[in-house]
Amino acid sequence: MSNFAQNLSLLRRRAGLTQEGLAEALNVSRQAVSKWESGQTMPESEKLVPLAELLNCTLDQLMRDDLSRDSIPAGPDGPTLWSAYARHMDRFSWTIAAGVALALLGVAALTACCSALGESGYIILPLLLCEAGAVFLLVSGGLSHGNFLRANPVHPACTAPAARARFERLFPAGIAGAVAGIIVDTALLLTLAVRFQGSDAVVLRVLTLFFLLLALCVGILVLLGIRWAKYQPEPAGRDWAAVIMLLATVCFLAGGILWDAWKVSWAAFPVGGLLCAVLSVCRKKPAG
């Protein structure tokens, strides 16, 4: 038994589309969409796949599944799933970007304390506090995102074309600036580390500056990557920039704490930053 008529209406409203908007996207009349939703007629077979793609659902969800239990507010003035999804993704992007940046800022705090306090036993405390905050943000953000996707498995279509257009104009410049920042930051670190290799205090100050700039650049990459995913036809997946920088932090801490190799293990961060840059360049630009 086909549930096409009721599913089409439900999925269209979930996507935040009007009958006119759906008709325009499919190059049909609004009356045709109205007849589909009332069960008077069915679309031509060649329209079914584009229709499912537009509504970000499978053909089974469109034709067979019973979606009538889903609660979807109706009416142009009611909240749509897109607006809720957009707010969630904005919060999620800031949470994850802040978590990654805080993890790197913890290392900057450690190098700053090493420079100021030498071998004091308290120098690792700022690092631990920052890493605890970073873990809290990353875990809470990930759980919140997972819960939202489980509650709303269908990715809504964008109903804010002006906001999307602004993002698409800013995205290339933001990615290019962050990638260039990581490259310049790494080059500056290597140059100054070689120049002042005999002075541990100067090298530690250089490392502090490096991690501050790296936190900013990687945070921007993570933020833009998640915002990019917001406008794509599939739910946002794992953000590899966050994963890479967390692994770099683990390598740094393991090398320093287990083998007392603080002067060597910091190299995990420029390597991780460059990997983030490469991944960001390789990712697709937002769809037009």
Foldseek 3Di string as FASTA:
>chain_A
DWPQLCLLVQLCQQLVHDLCRLCVVLVHDSVVNVCRNVVNDNDDPVSQVVSCLQSQHDSCSNIPDDPVVDDADDDNPDDHNLVVLLVLLLLLLLLLLQLLLLLLLLVLQLLVCCLVPPPDPCSNVSNVVSNVSSVVSVVVSVVVLVVVCVSPVFQHADPCVVVVVVLLVVLVVLLVVLLVLLVVLVVQLVVVCVVPVVDSSSNSNSSSVSSNSLSVSLSSLSSSLSVLQSNDRHHDDDDVLSVQSVVLSVQLCCCCPVVVPNVPSNVSSSVSSNVSSVVSVPDDRRDD
